[in-house]
Amino acid sequence: MGGRGVFAGERLEGRWTGMRERNSRRSKSFVRELGKEFRVYYPPPEFKVFIIANPRGRSAWGLNELLYDICVARVSYVRSAGNRGDLPLVKDPIWEVESEFALGGTRHRR
């Protein structure tokens, strides 16, 4: 009888692991595809689409995300104090998207 409980627990743990992996794939796919659409709808140079999984976003900004999985922002540039060039800045966030495909609604829950 005790063995049966162990096996059931192992099956349950395997099921949760599978669900976590599936939810992770869904979240990444959702972020990637929504980010693509945002880039079409909100083109540069007036807008910048920051996406967590996009290493190319590090160009002038030095980062690829702003607190969320996706952040679409109206951007501007100001002249640097030393007059060495323009510095980018976020003028107005348009969209801030955090994707969670988990049962508990948070990625920190274990």
PDB file of N, CA and C in Angstrom:
ATOM      1  N   MET A   1       0.825  -1.195   0.000  1.00  0.00           N
ATOM      2  CA  MET A   1       0.000   0.000   0.000  1.00  0.00           C
ATOM      3  C   MET A   1       0.868   1.258   0.000  1.00  0.00           C
ATOM      4  N   GLY A   2       1.956   1.242   0.820  1.00  0.00           N
ATOM      5  CA  GLY A   2       2.834   2.397   0.840  1.00  0.00           C
ATOM      6  C   GLY A   2       3.507   2.644  -0.488  1.00  0.00           C
ATOM      7  N   GLY A   3       3.842   1.560  -1.185  1.00  0.00           N
ATOM      8  CA  GLY A   3       4.484   1.687  -2.491  1.00  0.00           C
ATOM      9  C   GLY A   3       3.584   2.351  -3.512  1.00  0.00           C
ATOM     10  N   ARG A   4       2.294   2.024  -3.400  1.00  0.00           N
ATOM     11  CA  ARG A   4       1.345   2.609  -4.333  1.00  0.00           C
ATOM     12  C   ARG A   4       1.322   4.134  -4.219  1.00  0.00           C
ATOM     13  N   GLY A   5       1.383   4.636  -2.981  1.00  0.00           N
ATOM     14  CA  GLY A   5       1.394   6.080  -2.762  1.00  0.00           C
ATOM     15  C   GLY A   5       2.630   6.742  -3.341  1.00  0.00           C
ATOM     16  N   VAL A   6       3.765   6.077  -3.242  1.00  0.00           N
ATOM     17  CA  VAL A   6       5.002   6.614  -3.801  1.00  0.00           C
ATOM     18  C   VAL A   6       4.879   6.729  -5.313  1.00  0.00           C
ATOM     19  N   PHE A   7       4.357   5.650  -5.928  1.00  0.00           N
ATOM     20  CA  PHE A   7       4.225   5.684  -7.384  1.00  0.00           C
ATOM     21  C   PHE A   7       3.223   6.757  -7.824  1.00  0.00           C
ATOM     22  N   ALA A   8       2.136   6.869  -7.078  1.00  0.00           N
ATOM     23  CA  ALA A   8       1.151   7.904  -7.414  1.00  0.00           C
ATOM     24  C   ALA A   8       1.776   9.289  -7.281  1.00  0.00           C
ATOM     25  N   GLY A   9       2.578   9.489  -6.219  1.00  0.00           N
ATOM     26  CA  GLY A   9       3.254  10.774  -6.042  1.00  0.00           C
ATOM     27  C   GLY A   9       4.240  11.050  -7.155  1.00  0.00           C
ATOM     28  N   GLU A  10       4.938  10.014  -7.594  1.00  0.00           N
ATOM     29  CA  GLU A  10       5.878  10.189  -8.705  1.00  0.00           C
ATOM     30  C   GLU A  10       5.137  10.552  -9.973  1.00  0.00           C
ATOM     31  N   ARG A  11       4.006   9.917 -10.206  1.00  0.00           N
ATOM     32  CA  ARG A  11       3.212  10.256 -11.405  1.00  0.00           C
ATOM     33  C   ARG A  11       2.723  11.694 -11.324  1.00  0.00           C
ATOM     34  N   LEU A  12       2.263  12.090 -10.154  1.00  0.00           N
ATOM     35  CA  LEU A  12       1.774  13.457  -9.968  1.00  0.00           C
ATOM     36  C   LEU A  12       2.895  14.467 -10.197  1.00  0.00           C
ATOM     37  N   GLU A  13       4.075  14.203  -9.636  1.00  0.00           N
ATOM     38  CA  GLU A  13       5.205  15.115  -9.823  1.00  0.00           C
ATOM     39  C   GLU A  13       5.581  15.196 -11.303  1.00  0.00           C
ATOM     40  N   GLY A  14       5.578  14.057 -11.980  1.00  0.00           N
ATOM     41  CA  GLY A  14       5.879  14.051 -13.414  1.00  0.00           C
ATOM     42  C   GLY A  14       4.854  14.849 -14.200  1.00  0.00           C
ATOM     43  N   ARG A  15       3.604  14.773 -13.784  1.00  0.00           N
ATOM     44  CA  ARG A  15       2.544  15.537 -14.454  1.00  0.00           C
ATOM     45  C   ARG A  15       2.752  17.035 -14.264  1.00  0.00           C
ATOM     46  N   TRP A  16       3.098  17.449 -13.032  1.00  0.00           N
ATOM     47  CA  TRP A  16       3.339  18.874 -12.780  1.00  0.00           C
ATOM     48  C   TRP A  16       4.543  19.372 -13.567  1.00  0.00           C
ATOM     49  N   THR A  17       5.593  18.546 -13.613  1.00  0.00           N
ATOM     50  CA  THR A  17       6.788  18.931 -14.375  1.00  0.00           C
ATOM     51  C   THR A  17       6.424  19.117 -15.836  1.00  0.00           C
ATOM     52  N   GLY A  18       5.647  18.191 -16.384  1.00  0.00           N
ATOM     53  CA  GLY A  18       5.210  18.309 -17.776  1.00  0.00           C
ATOM     54  C   GLY A  18       4.373  19.553 -18.011  1.00  0.00           C
ATOM     55  N   MET A  19       3.496  19.864 -17.062  1.00  0.00           N
ATOM     56  CA  MET A  19       2.656  21.062 -17.203  1.00  0.00           C
ATOM     57  C   MET A  19       3.506  22.323 -17.141  1.00  0.00           C
ATOM     58  N   ARG A  20       4.497  22.338 -16.254  1.00  0.00           N
ATOM     59  CA  ARG A  20       5.392  23.504 -16.152  1.00  0.00           C
ATOM     60  C   ARG A  20       6.124  23.735 -17.466  1.00  0.00           C
ATOM     61  N   GLU A  21       6.643  22.644 -18.039  1.00  0.00           N
ATOM     62  CA  GLU A  21       7.370  22.761 -19.303  1.00  0.00           C
ATOM     63  C   GLU A  21       6.439  23.232 -20.417  1.00  0.00           C
ATOM     64  N   ARG A  22       5.232  22.683 -20.467  1.00  0.00           N
ATOM     65  CA  ARG A  22       4.255  23.094 -21.482  1.00  0.00           C
ATOM     66  C   ARG A  22       3.896  24.568 -21.310  1.00  0.00           C
ATOM     67  N   ASN A  23       3.657  24.982 -20.072  1.00  0.00           N
ATOM     68  CA  ASN A  23       3.308  26.379 -19.818  1.00  0.00           C
ATOM     69  C   ASN A  23       4.460  27.311 -20.177  1.00  0.00           C
ATOM     70  N   SER A  24       5.671  26.893 -19.914  1.00  0.00           N
ATOM     71  CA  SER A  24       6.843  27.693 -20.270  1.00  0.00           C
ATOM     72  C   SER A  24       6.941  27.871 -21.782  1.00  0.00           C
ATOM     73  N   ARG A  25       6.721  26.791 -22.518  1.00  0.00           N
ATOM     74  CA  ARG A  25       6.750  26.884 -23.998  1.00  0.00           C
ATOM     75  C   ARG A  25       5.644  27.798 -24.494  1.00  0.00           C
ATOM     76  N   ARG A  26       4.459  27.681 -23.928  1.00  0.00           N
ATOM     77  CA  ARG A  26       3.330  28.528 -24.348  1.00  0.00           C
ATOM     78  C   ARG A  26       3.633  30.002 -24.084  1.00  0.00           C
ATOM     79  N   SER A  27       4.180  30.279 -22.920  1.00  0.00           N
ATOM     80  CA  SER A  27       4.504  31.653 -22.561  1.00  0.00           C
ATOM     81  C   SER A  27       5.543  32.244 -23.522  1.00  0.00           C
ATOM     82  N   LYS A  28       6.602  31.491 -23.795  1.00  0.00           N
ATOM     83  CA  LYS A  28       7.643  31.971 -24.718  1.00  0.00           C
ATOM     84  C   LYS A  28       7.084  32.206 -26.106  1.00  0.00           C
ATOM     85  N   SER A  29       6.248  31.296 -26.573  1.00  0.00           N
ATOM     86  CA  SER A  29       5.637  31.439 -27.895  1.00  0.00           C
ATOM     87  C   SER A  29       4.720  32.663 -27.944  1.00  0.00           C
ATOM     88  N   PHE A  30       3.910  32.836 -26.909  1.00  0.00           N
ATOM     89  CA  PHE A  30       3.008  33.981 -26.821  1.00  0.00           C
ATOM     90  C   PHE A  30       3.783  35.298 -26.867  1.00  0.00           C
ATOM     91  N   VAL A  31       4.843  35.386 -26.067  1.00  0.00           N
ATOM     92  CA  VAL A  31       5.652  36.610 -26.008  1.00  0.00           C
ATOM     93  C   VAL A  31       6.312  36.878 -27.359  1.00  0.00           C
ATOM     94  N   ARG A  32       6.874  35.841 -27.961  1.00  0.00           N
ATOM     95  CA  ARG A  32       7.553  35.999 -29.252  1.00  0.00           C
ATOM     96  C   ARG A  32       6.576  36.495 -30.329  1.00  0.00           C
ATOM     97  N   GLU A  33       5.412  35.856 -30.445  1.00  0.00           N
ATOM     98  CA  GLU A  33       4.457  36.208 -31.497  1.00  0.00           C
ATOM     99  C   GLU A  33       3.802  37.564 -31.252  1.00  0.00           C
ATOM    100  N   LEU A  34       3.449  37.857 -30.019  1.00  0.00           N
ATOM    101  CA  LEU A  34       2.869  39.168 -29.715  1.00  0.00           C
ATOM    102  C   LEU A  34       3.899  40.267 -29.965  1.00  0.00           C
ATOM    103  N   GLY A  35       5.144  40.014 -29.598  1.00  0.00           N
ATOM    104  CA  GLY A  35       6.221  40.979 -29.854  1.00  0.00           C
ATOM    105  C   GLY A  35       6.381  41.274 -31.334  1.00  0.00           C
ATOM    106  N   LYS A  36       6.300  40.242 -32.173  1.00  0.00           N
ATOM    107  CA  LYS A  36       6.392  40.430 -33.636  1.00  0.00           C
ATOM    108  C   LYS A  36       5.286  41.359 -34.129  1.00  0.00           C
ATOM    109  N   GLU A  37       4.073  41.113 -33.651  1.00  0.00           N
ATOM    110  CA  GLU A  37       2.934  41.945 -34.070  1.00  0.00           C
ATOM    111  C   GLU A  37       3.074  43.384 -33.577  1.00  0.00           C
ATOM    112  N   PHE A  38       3.523  43.555 -32.353  1.00  0.00           N
ATOM    113  CA  PHE A  38       3.745  44.901 -31.829  1.00  0.00           C
ATOM    114  C   PHE A  38       4.779  45.654 -32.669  1.00  0.00           C
ATOM    115  N   ARG A  39       5.820  44.967 -33.118  1.00  0.00           N
ATOM    116  CA  ARG A  39       6.853  45.626 -33.927  1.00  0.00           C
ATOM    117  C   ARG A  39       6.303  46.134 -35.245  1.00  0.00           C
ATOM    118  N   VAL A  40       5.339  45.410 -35.802  1.00  0.00           N
ATOM    119  CA  VAL A  40       4.705  45.842 -37.052  1.00  0.00           C
ATOM    120  C   VAL A  40       3.810  47.055 -36.794  1.00  0.00           C
ATOM    121  N   TYR A  41       3.026  46.982 -35.741  1.00  0.00           N
ATOM    122  CA  TYR A  41       2.050  48.025 -35.430  1.00  0.00           C
ATOM    123  C   TYR A  41       2.688  49.280 -34.837  1.00  0.00           C
ATOM    124  N   TYR A  42       3.796  49.123 -34.113  1.00  0.00           N
ATOM    125  CA  TYR A  42       4.492  50.237 -33.464  1.00  0.00           C
ATOM    126  C   TYR A  42       5.937  50.301 -33.987  1.00  0.00           C
ATOM    127  N   PRO A  43       6.136  50.894 -35.168  1.00  0.00           N
ATOM    128  CA  PRO A  43       7.473  50.872 -35.786  1.00  0.00           C
ATOM    129  C   PRO A  43       8.423  51.921 -35.197  1.00  0.00           C
ATOM    130  N   PRO A  44       9.727  51.649 -35.322  1.00  0.00           N
ATOM    131  CA  PRO A  44      10.725  52.650 -34.942  1.00  0.00           C
ATOM    132  C   PRO A  44      10.713  53.781 -35.976  1.00  0.00           C
ATOM    133  N   PRO A  45      11.226  54.915 -35.718  1.00  0.00           N
ATOM    134  CA  PRO A  45      11.971  55.305 -34.524  1.00  0.00           C
ATOM    135  C   PRO A  45      11.095  55.879 -33.419  1.00  0.00           C
ATOM    136  N   GLU A  46       9.787  56.068 -33.690  1.00  0.00           N
ATOM    137  CA  GLU A  46       8.921  56.655 -32.661  1.00  0.00           C
ATOM    138  C   GLU A  46       8.674  55.697 -31.493  1.00  0.00           C
ATOM    139  N   PHE A  47       8.696  54.387 -31.780  1.00  0.00           N
ATOM    140  CA  PHE A  47       8.400  53.387 -30.760  1.00  0.00           C
ATOM    141  C   PHE A  47       9.556  52.407 -30.608  1.00  0.00           C
ATOM    142  N   LYS A  48       9.599  51.776 -29.445  1.00  0.00           N
ATOM    143  CA  LYS A  48      10.549  50.702 -29.181  1.00  0.00           C
ATOM    144  C   LYS A  48       9.782  49.576 -28.501  1.00  0.00           C
ATOM    145  N   VAL A  49       9.964  48.358 -29.003  1.00  0.00           N
ATOM    146  CA  VAL A  49       9.345  47.185 -28.408  1.00  0.00           C
ATOM    147  C   VAL A  49      10.442  46.413 -27.681  1.00  0.00           C
ATOM    148  N   PHE A  50      10.368  46.391 -26.365  1.00  0.00           N
ATOM    149  CA  PHE A  50      11.322  45.654 -25.544  1.00  0.00           C
ATOM    150  C   PHE A  50      10.740  44.274 -25.285  1.00  0.00           C
ATOM    151  N   ILE A  51      11.507  43.228 -25.584  1.00  0.00           N
ATOM    152  CA  ILE A  51      11.047  41.856 -25.385  1.00  0.00           C
ATOM    153  C   ILE A  51      12.090  41.109 -24.575  1.00  0.00           C
ATOM    154  N   ILE A  52      11.642  40.424 -23.551  1.00  0.00           N
ATOM    155  CA  ILE A  52      12.550  39.757 -22.623  1.00  0.00           C
ATOM    156  C   ILE A  52      13.512  38.788 -23.318  1.00  0.00           C
ATOM    157  N   ALA A  53      13.046  38.090 -24.324  1.00  0.00           N
ATOM    158  CA  ALA A  53      13.868  37.058 -24.962  1.00  0.00           C
ATOM    159  C   ALA A  53      14.575  37.544 -26.221  1.00  0.00           C
ATOM    160  N   ASN A  54      14.780  38.842 -26.362  1.00  0.00           N
ATOM    161  CA  ASN A  54      15.383  39.381 -27.580  1.00  0.00           C
ATOM    162  C   ASN A  54      16.730  40.035 -27.280  1.00  0.00           C
ATOM    163  N   PRO A  55      17.825  39.300 -27.448  1.00  0.00           N
ATOM    164  CA  PRO A  55      19.141  39.880 -27.161  1.00  0.00           C
ATOM    165  C   PRO A  55      19.521  41.016 -28.115  1.00  0.00           C
ATOM    166  N   ARG A  56      18.870  41.098 -29.289  1.00  0.00           N
ATOM    167  CA  ARG A  56      19.170  42.182 -30.227  1.00  0.00           C
ATOM    168  C   ARG A  56      18.694  43.534 -29.705  1.00  0.00           C
ATOM    169  N   GLY A  57      17.814  43.530 -28.724  1.00  0.00           N
ATOM    170  CA  GLY A  57      17.276  44.765 -28.178  1.00  0.00           C
ATOM    171  C   GLY A  57      18.271  45.543 -27.339  1.00  0.00           C
ATOM    172  N   ARG A  58      19.464  45.037 -27.189  1.00  0.00           N
ATOM    173  CA  ARG A  58      20.466  45.674 -26.344  1.00  0.00           C
ATOM    174  C   ARG A  58      21.224  46.788 -27.046  1.00  0.00           C
ATOM    175  N   SER A  59      20.993  47.039 -28.286  1.00  0.00           N
ATOM    176  CA  SER A  59      21.737  48.035 -29.061  1.00  0.00           C
ATOM    177  C   SER A  59      22.007  49.328 -28.296  1.00  0.00           C
ATOM    178  N   ALA A  60      21.300  50.371 -28.596  1.00  0.00           N
ATOM    179  CA  ALA A  60      21.524  51.675 -27.962  1.00  0.00           C
ATOM    180  C   ALA A  60      21.015  51.709 -26.522  1.00  0.00           C
ATOM    181  N   TRP A  61      20.108  50.812 -26.195  1.00  0.00           N
ATOM    182  CA  TRP A  61      19.458  50.850 -24.892  1.00  0.00           C
ATOM    183  C   TRP A  61      20.219  50.089 -23.821  1.00  0.00           C
ATOM    184  N   GLY A  62      21.012  49.127 -24.206  1.00  0.00           N
ATOM    185  CA  GLY A  62      21.751  48.341 -23.238  1.00  0.00           C
ATOM    186  C   GLY A  62      20.891  47.360 -22.471  1.00  0.00           C
ATOM    187  N   LEU A  63      19.652  47.147 -22.912  1.00  0.00           N
ATOM    188  CA  LEU A  63      18.759  46.192 -22.266  1.00  0.00           C
ATOM    189  C   LEU A  63      17.730  45.719 -23.269  1.00  0.00           C
ATOM    190  N   ASN A  64      17.085  44.629 -22.950  1.00  0.00           N
ATOM    191  CA  ASN A  64      16.069  44.111 -23.857  1.00  0.00           C
ATOM    192  C   ASN A  64      14.693  44.006 -23.213  1.00  0.00           C
ATOM    193  N   GLU A  65      14.574  44.405 -21.942  1.00  0.00           N
ATOM    194  CA  GLU A  65      13.268  44.389 -21.294  1.00  0.00           C
ATOM    195  C   GLU A  65      13.172  45.520 -20.269  1.00  0.00           C
ATOM    196  N   LEU A  66      11.955  45.916 -20.009  1.00  0.00           N
ATOM    197  CA  LEU A  66      11.681  46.930 -18.986  1.00  0.00           C
ATOM    198  C   LEU A  66      10.624  46.389 -18.025  1.00  0.00           C
ATOM    199  N   LEU A  67      11.033  45.601 -17.066  1.00  0.00           N
ATOM    200  CA  LEU A  67      10.196  45.066 -15.994  1.00  0.00           C
ATOM    201  C   LEU A  67       9.142  44.047 -16.429  1.00  0.00           C
ATOM    202  N   TYR A  68       8.798  44.001 -17.679  1.00  0.00           N
ATOM    203  CA  TYR A  68       7.759  43.105 -18.156  1.00  0.00           C
ATOM    204  C   TYR A  68       8.319  42.238 -19.275  1.00  0.00           C
ATOM    205  N   ASP A  69       7.589  41.170 -19.622  1.00  0.00           N
ATOM    206  CA  ASP A  69       8.012  40.333 -20.739  1.00  0.00           C
ATOM    207  C   ASP A  69       8.033  41.143 -22.037  1.00  0.00           C
ATOM    208  N   ILE A  70       7.055  42.021 -22.191  1.00  0.00           N
ATOM    209  CA  ILE A  70       7.005  42.921 -23.348  1.00  0.00           C
ATOM    210  C   ILE A  70       6.654  44.309 -22.847  1.00  0.00           C
ATOM    211  N   CYS A  71       7.348  45.296 -23.351  1.00  0.00           N
ATOM    212  CA  CYS A  71       6.998  46.691 -23.079  1.00  0.00           C
ATOM    213  C   CYS A  71       7.090  47.447 -24.396  1.00  0.00           C
ATOM    214  N   VAL A  72       5.987  48.052 -24.795  1.00  0.00           N
ATOM    215  CA  VAL A  72       5.959  48.892 -25.985  1.00  0.00           C
ATOM    216  C   VAL A  72       5.927  50.333 -25.498  1.00  0.00           C
ATOM    217  N   ALA A  73       6.862  51.128 -25.983  1.00  0.00           N
ATOM    218  CA  ALA A  73       6.953  52.496 -25.485  1.00  0.00           C
ATOM    219  C   ALA A  73       7.207  53.488 -26.616  1.00  0.00           C
ATOM    220  N   ARG A  74       6.628  54.664 -26.453  1.00  0.00           N
ATOM    221  CA  ARG A  74       6.979  55.792 -27.319  1.00  0.00           C
ATOM    222  C   ARG A  74       8.317  56.293 -26.791  1.00  0.00           C
ATOM    223  N   VAL A  75       9.263  56.483 -27.687  1.00  0.00           N
ATOM    224  CA  VAL A  75      10.606  56.856 -27.252  1.00  0.00           C
ATOM    225  C   VAL A  75      11.018  58.197 -27.844  1.00  0.00           C
ATOM    226  N   SER A  76      12.033  58.752 -27.255  1.00  0.00           N
ATOM    227  CA  SER A  76      12.597  60.007 -27.714  1.00  0.00           C
ATOM    228  C   SER A  76      14.092  59.988 -27.408  1.00  0.00           C
ATOM    229  N   TYR A  77      14.760  61.027 -27.796  1.00  0.00           N
ATOM    230  CA  TYR A  77      16.200  61.141 -27.548  1.00  0.00           C
ATOM    231  C   TYR A  77      16.504  62.548 -27.065  1.00  0.00           C
ATOM    232  N   VAL A  78      17.441  62.648 -26.167  1.00  0.00           N
ATOM    233  CA  VAL A  78      17.898  63.949 -25.682  1.00  0.00           C
ATOM    234  C   VAL A  78      19.403  64.033 -25.909  1.00  0.00           C
ATOM    235  N   ARG A  79      19.872  65.233 -26.089  1.00  0.00           N
ATOM    236  CA  ARG A  79      21.310  65.443 -26.278  1.00  0.00           C
ATOM    237  C   ARG A  79      22.021  65.235 -24.944  1.00  0.00           C
ATOM    238  N   SER A  80      23.144  64.562 -24.963  1.00  0.00           N
ATOM    239  CA  SER A  80      23.883  64.328 -23.723  1.00  0.00           C
ATOM    240  C   SER A  80      24.469  65.637 -23.205  1.00  0.00           C
ATOM    241  N   ALA A  81      24.728  65.686 -21.903  1.00  0.00           N
ATOM    242  CA  ALA A  81      25.261  66.902 -21.279  1.00  0.00           C
ATOM    243  C   ALA A  81      26.604  67.300 -21.892  1.00  0.00           C
ATOM    244  N   GLY A  82      27.398  66.324 -22.235  1.00  0.00           N
ATOM    245  CA  GLY A  82      28.701  66.608 -22.840  1.00  0.00           C
ATOM    246  C   GLY A  82      28.629  66.799 -24.340  1.00  0.00           C
ATOM    247  N   ASN A  83      27.403  66.830 -24.881  1.00  0.00           N
ATOM    248  CA  ASN A  83      27.180  67.011 -26.304  1.00  0.00           C
ATOM    249  C   ASN A  83      27.911  65.941 -27.132  1.00  0.00           C
ATOM    250  N   ARG A  84      27.964  64.712 -26.570  1.00  0.00           N
ATOM    251  CA  ARG A  84      28.653  63.614 -27.252  1.00  0.00           C
ATOM    252  C   ARG A  84      27.708  62.725 -28.050  1.00  0.00           C
ATOM    253  N   GLY A  85      26.454  63.026 -28.032  1.00  0.00           N
ATOM    254  CA  GLY A  85      25.490  62.205 -28.764  1.00  0.00           C
ATOM    255  C   GLY A  85      24.124  62.271 -28.124  1.00  0.00           C
ATOM    256  N   ASP A  86      23.222  61.508 -28.692  1.00  0.00           N
ATOM    257  CA  ASP A  86      21.857  61.457 -28.182  1.00  0.00           C
ATOM    258  C   ASP A  86      21.686  60.271 -27.235  1.00  0.00           C
ATOM    259  N   LEU A  87      20.920  60.491 -26.189  1.00  0.00           N
ATOM    260  CA  LEU A  87      20.606  59.445 -25.217  1.00  0.00           C
ATOM    261  C   LEU A  87      19.141  59.052 -25.372  1.00  0.00           C
ATOM    262  N   PRO A  88      18.858  57.750 -25.452  1.00  0.00           N
ATOM    263  CA  PRO A  88      17.461  57.321 -25.602  1.00  0.00           C
ATOM    264  C   PRO A  88      16.705  57.412 -24.283  1.00  0.00           C
ATOM    265  N   LEU A  89      15.399  57.679 -24.384  1.00  0.00           N
ATOM    266  CA  LEU A  89      14.547  57.696 -23.195  1.00  0.00           C
ATOM    267  C   LEU A  89      13.146  57.229 -23.538  1.00  0.00           C
ATOM    268  N   VAL A  90      12.483  56.662 -22.566  1.00  0.00           N
ATOM    269  CA  VAL A  90      11.092  56.235 -22.722  1.00  0.00           C
ATOM    270  C   VAL A  90      10.209  57.420 -22.364  1.00  0.00           C
ATOM    271  N   LYS A  91       9.414  57.866 -23.323  1.00  0.00           N
ATOM    272  CA  LYS A  91       8.495  58.981 -23.087  1.00  0.00           C
ATOM    273  C   LYS A  91       7.175  58.505 -22.498  1.00  0.00           C
ATOM    274  N   ASP A  92       6.657  57.428 -23.072  1.00  0.00           N
ATOM    275  CA  ASP A  92       5.315  56.999 -22.705  1.00  0.00           C
ATOM    276  C   ASP A  92       5.173  55.495 -22.935  1.00  0.00           C
ATOM    277  N   PRO A  93       4.978  54.702 -21.888  1.00  0.00           N
ATOM    278  CA  PRO A  93       4.723  53.281 -22.111  1.00  0.00           C
ATOM    279  C   PRO A  93       3.319  53.081 -22.680  1.00  0.00           C
ATOM    280  N   ILE A  94       3.222  52.316 -23.743  1.00  0.00           N
ATOM    281  CA  ILE A  94       1.938  52.068 -24.403  1.00  0.00           C
ATOM    282  C   ILE A  94       1.332  50.745 -23.923  1.00  0.00           C
ATOM    283  N   TRP A  95       2.151  49.692 -23.929  1.00  0.00           N
ATOM    284  CA  TRP A  95       1.746  48.364 -23.481  1.00  0.00           C
ATOM    285  C   TRP A  95       2.801  47.813 -22.532  1.00  0.00           C
ATOM    286  N   GLU A  96       2.351  47.150 -21.475  1.00  0.00           N
ATOM    287  CA  GLU A  96       3.232  46.417 -20.570  1.00  0.00           C
ATOM    288  C   GLU A  96       2.583  45.052 -20.365  1.00  0.00           C
ATOM    289  N   VAL A  97       3.244  44.017 -20.857  1.00  0.00           N
ATOM    290  CA  VAL A  97       2.650  42.677 -20.870  1.00  0.00           C
ATOM    291  C   VAL A  97       3.511  41.714 -20.070  1.00  0.00           C
ATOM    292  N   GLU A  98       2.894  41.034 -19.137  1.00  0.00           N
ATOM    293  CA  GLU A  98       3.548  39.965 -18.382  1.00  0.00           C
ATOM    294  C   GLU A  98       2.754  38.697 -18.657  1.00  0.00           C
ATOM    295  N   SER A  99       3.398  37.689 -19.191  1.00  0.00           N
ATOM    296  CA  SER A  99       2.686  36.451 -19.510  1.00  0.00           C
ATOM    297  C   SER A  99       2.905  35.443 -18.403  1.00  0.00           C
ATOM    298  N   GLU A 100       1.840  34.843 -17.970  1.00  0.00           N
ATOM    299  CA  GLU A 100       1.904  33.781 -16.971  1.00  0.00           C
ATOM    300  C   GLU A 100       0.964  32.673 -17.408  1.00  0.00           C
ATOM    301  N   PHE A 101       1.509  31.531 -17.724  1.00  0.00           N
ATOM    302  CA  PHE A 101       0.713  30.362 -18.039  1.00  0.00           C
ATOM    303  C   PHE A 101       0.985  29.316 -16.967  1.00  0.00           C
ATOM    304  N   ALA A 102       0.563  29.612 -15.764  1.00  0.00           N
ATOM    305  CA  ALA A 102       0.804  28.710 -14.647  1.00  0.00           C
ATOM    306  C   ALA A 102      -0.459  28.593 -13.813  1.00  0.00           C
ATOM    307  N   LEU A 103      -0.610  27.480 -13.151  1.00  0.00           N
ATOM    308  CA  LEU A 103      -1.795  27.262 -12.319  1.00  0.00           C
ATOM    309  C   LEU A 103      -1.906  28.274 -11.207  1.00  0.00           C
ATOM    310  N   GLY A 104      -0.780  28.620 -10.569  1.00  0.00           N
ATOM    311  CA  GLY A 104      -0.811  29.529  -9.443  1.00  0.00           C
ATOM    312  C   GLY A 104      -0.786  30.991  -9.829  1.00  0.00           C
ATOM    313  N   GLY A 105      -0.534  31.301 -11.096  1.00  0.00           N
ATOM    314  CA  GLY A 105      -0.516  32.683 -11.530  1.00  0.00           C
ATOM    315  C   GLY A 105       0.759  33.428 -11.215  1.00  0.00           C
ATOM    316  N   THR A 106       1.776  32.739 -10.715  1.00  0.00           N
ATOM    317  CA  THR A 106       3.044  33.392 -10.433  1.00  0.00           C
ATOM    318  C   THR A 106       4.190  32.445 -10.698  1.00  0.00           C
ATOM    319  N   ARG A 107       5.266  32.956 -11.218  1.00  0.00           N
ATOM    320  CA  ARG A 107       6.413  32.085 -11.530  1.00  0.00           C
ATOM    321  C   ARG A 107       7.234  31.769 -10.287  1.00  0.00           C
ATOM    322  N   HIS A 108       6.989  32.439  -9.186  1.00  0.00           N
ATOM    323  CA  HIS A 108       7.788  32.241  -7.982  1.00  0.00           C
ATOM    324  C   HIS A 108       7.232  31.151  -7.069  1.00  0.00           C
ATOM    325  N   ARG A 109       6.067  30.682  -7.381  1.00  0.00           N
ATOM    326  CA  ARG A 109       5.443  29.650  -6.550  1.00  0.00           C
ATOM    327  C   ARG A 109       6.090  28.299  -6.827  1.00  0.00           C
ATOM    328  N   ARG A 110       6.327  27.552  -5.811  1.00  0.00           N
ATOM    329  CA  ARG A 110       6.967  26.234  -5.968  1.00  0.00           C
ATOM    330  C   ARG A 110       6.049  25.150  -5.454  1.00  0.00           C
TER     331      ARG A 110
END
